[in-house]
Every structure is written in structure tokens, then in C-alpha cells.
């Protein structure tokens, strides 16, 4: 696993390897993974994961083995201390967040309710 002190999320080696494959297939210049949260879903917030090439002024960035991952400062509040992983399992596989800031999740695991202070 790779963690940086200032970036809110720890990115696993498995996730980096899979991201490298996905980014290599994207034809846009300067492509990176954008992670974050947005309002919605059955539990209040949804995780956001997409390949992007447009940075914003509020973005935080980490580069791990030539793979750039970006998270906006607002999402960082909800993702601080989380781990971003990839599993190739046939059932339930894919990219996943393990987020300590969650009080409950929906059945599919893509939306969550944050813990309150």
C-alpha cells in the first residue's frame, strides 16, 4: 500500500496496477483518476471514481509510480483515512473504498452515510 501524509486516501498497489492498465487505454493527454464523493445514493453520499484530465484549484494530488490520483478538498473531509483498493474477485470485485468515516452503507456499497462528530 502507498500512503502520503497530505493526501487523504491510501492507494493500494493492486489499485495502482489496475489504474495503470485503464489509463494506458485512455487516449486523452494527462489522464488521472479523480476520486471523491457527491450527494446522492440511498444513504446520502456516493463515491466518485472517474478518469479525468481537467484539474480544479481545490484539488489535492498524489503521484504513485507515474499514476496520478486527484481528490478535491471538499471530498477529502469525507475520505480522510480511507483506503482505495482493487480486487479481481468474480463476485463483488472492482475498485472499493474502505472508509473509517462511514456510519452505514447501502446494500451495494456505493453510497454511505458519514459519521457525525
C-alpha atoms as a PDB file:
ATOM      1  CA  UNK A   1       0.000   0.000   0.000  1.00  0.00           C
ATOM      2  CA  UNK A   2       1.078   3.549  -0.647  1.00  0.00           C
ATOM      3  CA  UNK A   3       0.173   6.412   1.637  1.00  0.00           C
ATOM      4  CA  UNK A   4       1.264  10.004   1.617  1.00  0.00           C
ATOM      5  CA  UNK A   5       0.989  12.270   4.601  1.00  0.00           C
ATOM      6  CA  UNK A   6      -1.002  15.051   2.919  1.00  0.00           C
ATOM      7  CA  UNK A   7      -3.250  13.015   0.600  1.00  0.00           C
ATOM      8  CA  UNK A   8      -6.432  11.849   2.368  1.00  0.00           C
ATOM      9  CA  UNK A   9      -6.596   8.326   0.890  1.00  0.00           C
ATOM     10  CA  UNK A  10      -4.195   5.383   0.932  1.00  0.00           C
ATOM     11  CA  UNK A  11      -3.974   3.718  -2.501  1.00  0.00           C
ATOM     12  CA  UNK A  12      -3.099   0.003  -2.611  1.00  0.00           C
ATOM     13  CA  UNK A  13      -0.570  -1.486  -5.019  1.00  0.00           C
ATOM     14  CA  UNK A  14      -3.385  -3.560  -6.594  1.00  0.00           C
ATOM     15  CA  UNK A  15      -5.359  -0.388  -7.309  1.00  0.00           C
ATOM     16  CA  UNK A  16      -2.310   1.317  -8.838  1.00  0.00           C
ATOM     17  CA  UNK A  17      -1.672  -1.687 -11.119  1.00  0.00           C
ATOM     18  CA  UNK A  18      -5.268  -1.678 -12.379  1.00  0.00           C
ATOM     19  CA  UNK A  19      -5.310   2.099 -12.790  1.00  0.00           C
ATOM     20  CA  UNK A  20      -2.152   1.904 -14.884  1.00  0.00           C
ATOM     21  CA  UNK A  21      -3.968  -0.512 -17.250  1.00  0.00           C
ATOM     22  CA  UNK A  22      -7.042   1.728 -17.516  1.00  0.00           C
ATOM     23  CA  UNK A  23      -5.083   4.937 -18.031  1.00  0.00           C
ATOM     24  CA  UNK A  24      -2.954   3.336 -20.758  1.00  0.00           C
ATOM     25  CA  UNK A  25      -6.161   2.686 -22.753  1.00  0.00           C
ATOM     26  CA  UNK A  26      -7.358   6.295 -22.483  1.00  0.00           C
ATOM     27  CA  UNK A  27      -6.271   8.474 -25.421  1.00  0.00           C
ATOM     28  CA  UNK A  28      -6.574  11.848 -23.655  1.00  0.00           C
ATOM     29  CA  UNK A  29      -3.389  13.629 -22.583  1.00  0.00           C
ATOM     30  CA  UNK A  30      -2.538  13.935 -18.872  1.00  0.00           C
ATOM     31  CA  UNK A  31      -5.226  11.494 -17.694  1.00  0.00           C
ATOM     32  CA  UNK A  32      -5.538  10.791 -13.970  1.00  0.00           C
ATOM     33  CA  UNK A  33      -8.014   9.168 -11.597  1.00  0.00           C
ATOM     34  CA  UNK A  34     -10.381  11.528  -9.831  1.00  0.00           C
ATOM     35  CA  UNK A  35     -11.830  10.196  -6.586  1.00  0.00           C
ATOM     36  CA  UNK A  36     -14.327  11.934  -4.364  1.00  0.00           C
ATOM     37  CA  UNK A  37     -17.840  11.968  -3.006  1.00  0.00           C
ATOM     38  CA  UNK A  38     -21.036  13.615  -4.149  1.00  0.00           C
ATOM     39  CA  UNK A  39     -24.514  13.913  -2.709  1.00  0.00           C
ATOM     40  CA  UNK A  40     -26.892  11.150  -3.729  1.00  0.00           C
ATOM     41  CA  UNK A  41     -27.490   7.447  -3.473  1.00  0.00           C
ATOM     42  CA  UNK A  42     -29.724   5.709  -0.980  1.00  0.00           C
ATOM     43  CA  UNK A  43     -27.500   6.571   2.009  1.00  0.00           C
ATOM     44  CA  UNK A  44     -26.799  10.262   1.342  1.00  0.00           C
ATOM     45  CA  UNK A  45     -23.395  10.286  -0.386  1.00  0.00           C
ATOM     46  CA  UNK A  46     -21.925   8.361  -3.309  1.00  0.00           C
ATOM     47  CA  UNK A  47     -18.305   7.634  -4.105  1.00  0.00           C
ATOM     48  CA  UNK A  48     -16.966   9.189  -7.289  1.00  0.00           C
ATOM     49  CA  UNK A  49     -14.271   7.492  -9.378  1.00  0.00           C
ATOM     50  CA  UNK A  50     -13.542   8.567 -12.931  1.00  0.00           C
ATOM     51  CA  UNK A  51     -10.692   9.136 -15.334  1.00  0.00           C
ATOM     52  CA  UNK A  52     -10.285  12.855 -15.894  1.00  0.00           C
ATOM     53  CA  UNK A  53      -7.801  15.316 -17.371  1.00  0.00           C
ATOM     54  CA  UNK A  54      -9.142  18.626 -16.018  1.00  0.00           C
ATOM     55  CA  UNK A  55      -7.801  19.734 -12.634  1.00  0.00           C
ATOM     56  CA  UNK A  56      -9.542  22.200 -10.333  1.00  0.00           C
ATOM     57  CA  UNK A  57      -7.998  24.759  -7.997  1.00  0.00           C
ATOM     58  CA  UNK A  58      -9.260  22.855  -4.914  1.00  0.00           C
ATOM     59  CA  UNK A  59      -7.707  19.533  -5.990  1.00  0.00           C
ATOM     60  CA  UNK A  60      -5.181  17.608  -3.946  1.00  0.00           C
ATOM     61  CA  UNK A  61      -2.889  15.284  -5.912  1.00  0.00           C
ATOM     62  CA  UNK A  62      -0.651  12.315  -5.307  1.00  0.00           C
ATOM     63  CA  UNK A  63       1.534  10.559  -7.870  1.00  0.00           C
ATOM     64  CA  UNK A  64       2.382   6.916  -7.237  1.00  0.00           C
ATOM     65  CA  UNK A  65       4.524   5.036  -9.752  1.00  0.00           C
ATOM     66  CA  UNK A  66       3.573   7.508 -12.530  1.00  0.00           C
ATOM     67  CA  UNK A  67      -0.153   7.186 -11.733  1.00  0.00           C
ATOM     68  CA  UNK A  68      -1.798  10.434 -10.656  1.00  0.00           C
ATOM     69  CA  UNK A  69      -4.778  10.380  -8.291  1.00  0.00           C
ATOM     70  CA  UNK A  70      -6.694  13.569  -7.519  1.00  0.00           C
ATOM     71  CA  UNK A  71      -9.236  14.359  -4.797  1.00  0.00           C
ATOM     72  CA  UNK A  72     -10.966  17.689  -4.261  1.00  0.00           C
ATOM     73  CA  UNK A  73     -10.628  19.320  -0.846  1.00  0.00           C
ATOM     74  CA  UNK A  74     -14.355  19.031  -0.037  1.00  0.00           C
ATOM     75  CA  UNK A  75     -14.356  15.266  -0.653  1.00  0.00           C
ATOM     76  CA  UNK A  76     -11.146  14.894   1.355  1.00  0.00           C
ATOM     77  CA  UNK A  77     -13.113  15.659   4.528  1.00  0.00           C
ATOM     78  CA  UNK A  78     -15.231  12.520   3.977  1.00  0.00           C
ATOM     79  CA  UNK A  79     -12.355  10.352   2.701  1.00  0.00           C
ATOM     80  CA  UNK A  80      -9.577  11.175   5.206  1.00  0.00           C
ATOM     81  CA  UNK A  81      -8.058   7.890   6.397  1.00  0.00           C
ATOM     82  CA  UNK A  82      -9.800   5.760   3.745  1.00  0.00           C
ATOM     83  CA  UNK A  83      -8.105   3.075   1.654  1.00  0.00           C
ATOM     84  CA  UNK A  84      -8.768   2.698  -2.082  1.00  0.00           C
ATOM     85  CA  UNK A  85      -8.286  -0.882  -3.270  1.00  0.00           C
ATOM     86  CA  UNK A  86      -8.948  -3.155  -6.226  1.00  0.00           C
ATOM     87  CA  UNK A  87      -9.979  -6.786  -6.139  1.00  0.00           C
ATOM     88  CA  UNK A  88     -10.408  -9.020  -9.156  1.00  0.00           C
ATOM     89  CA  UNK A  89     -12.949 -11.270  -7.422  1.00  0.00           C
ATOM     90  CA  UNK A  90     -15.741 -12.526  -9.657  1.00  0.00           C
ATOM     91  CA  UNK A  91     -18.386 -11.537  -7.103  1.00  0.00           C
ATOM     92  CA  UNK A  92     -18.061  -8.111  -5.562  1.00  0.00           C
ATOM     93  CA  UNK A  93     -14.821  -7.324  -7.380  1.00  0.00           C
ATOM     94  CA  UNK A  94     -13.601  -3.982  -8.649  1.00  0.00           C
ATOM     95  CA  UNK A  95     -12.474  -0.741  -7.028  1.00  0.00           C
ATOM     96  CA  UNK A  96     -13.575  -0.203  -3.433  1.00  0.00           C
ATOM     97  CA  UNK A  97     -13.177   2.267  -0.595  1.00  0.00           C
ATOM     98  CA  UNK A  98     -12.611   1.150   2.975  1.00  0.00           C
ATOM     99  CA  UNK A  99     -13.682   4.329   4.734  1.00  0.00           C
ATOM    100  CA  UNK A 100     -13.492   4.811   8.525  1.00  0.00           C
ATOM    101  CA  UNK A 101     -15.734   7.905   8.273  1.00  0.00           C
ATOM    102  CA  UNK A 102     -18.856   5.898   7.432  1.00  0.00           C
ATOM    103  CA  UNK A 103     -21.666   5.139   9.881  1.00  0.00           C
ATOM    104  CA  UNK A 104     -23.671   2.997   7.429  1.00  0.00           C
ATOM    105  CA  UNK A 105     -23.645   1.936   3.784  1.00  0.00           C
ATOM    106  CA  UNK A 106     -26.262   0.820   1.332  1.00  0.00           C
ATOM    107  CA  UNK A 107     -26.522  -2.813   0.236  1.00  0.00           C
ATOM    108  CA  UNK A 108     -24.453  -2.321  -2.921  1.00  0.00           C
ATOM    109  CA  UNK A 109     -21.694  -0.427  -1.086  1.00  0.00           C
ATOM    110  CA  UNK A 110     -21.576   2.562  -3.420  1.00  0.00           C
ATOM    111  CA  UNK A 111     -23.297   5.050  -1.129  1.00  0.00           C
ATOM    112  CA  UNK A 112     -22.834   5.862   2.537  1.00  0.00           C
ATOM    113  CA  UNK A 113     -23.872   7.974   5.482  1.00  0.00           C
ATOM    114  CA  UNK A 114     -20.946   9.770   7.126  1.00  0.00           C
ATOM    115  CA  UNK A 115     -20.304   9.624  10.861  1.00  0.00           C
ATOM    116  CA  UNK A 116     -21.288  12.761  12.687  1.00  0.00           C
ATOM    117  CA  UNK A 117     -18.855  14.410  15.064  1.00  0.00           C
END
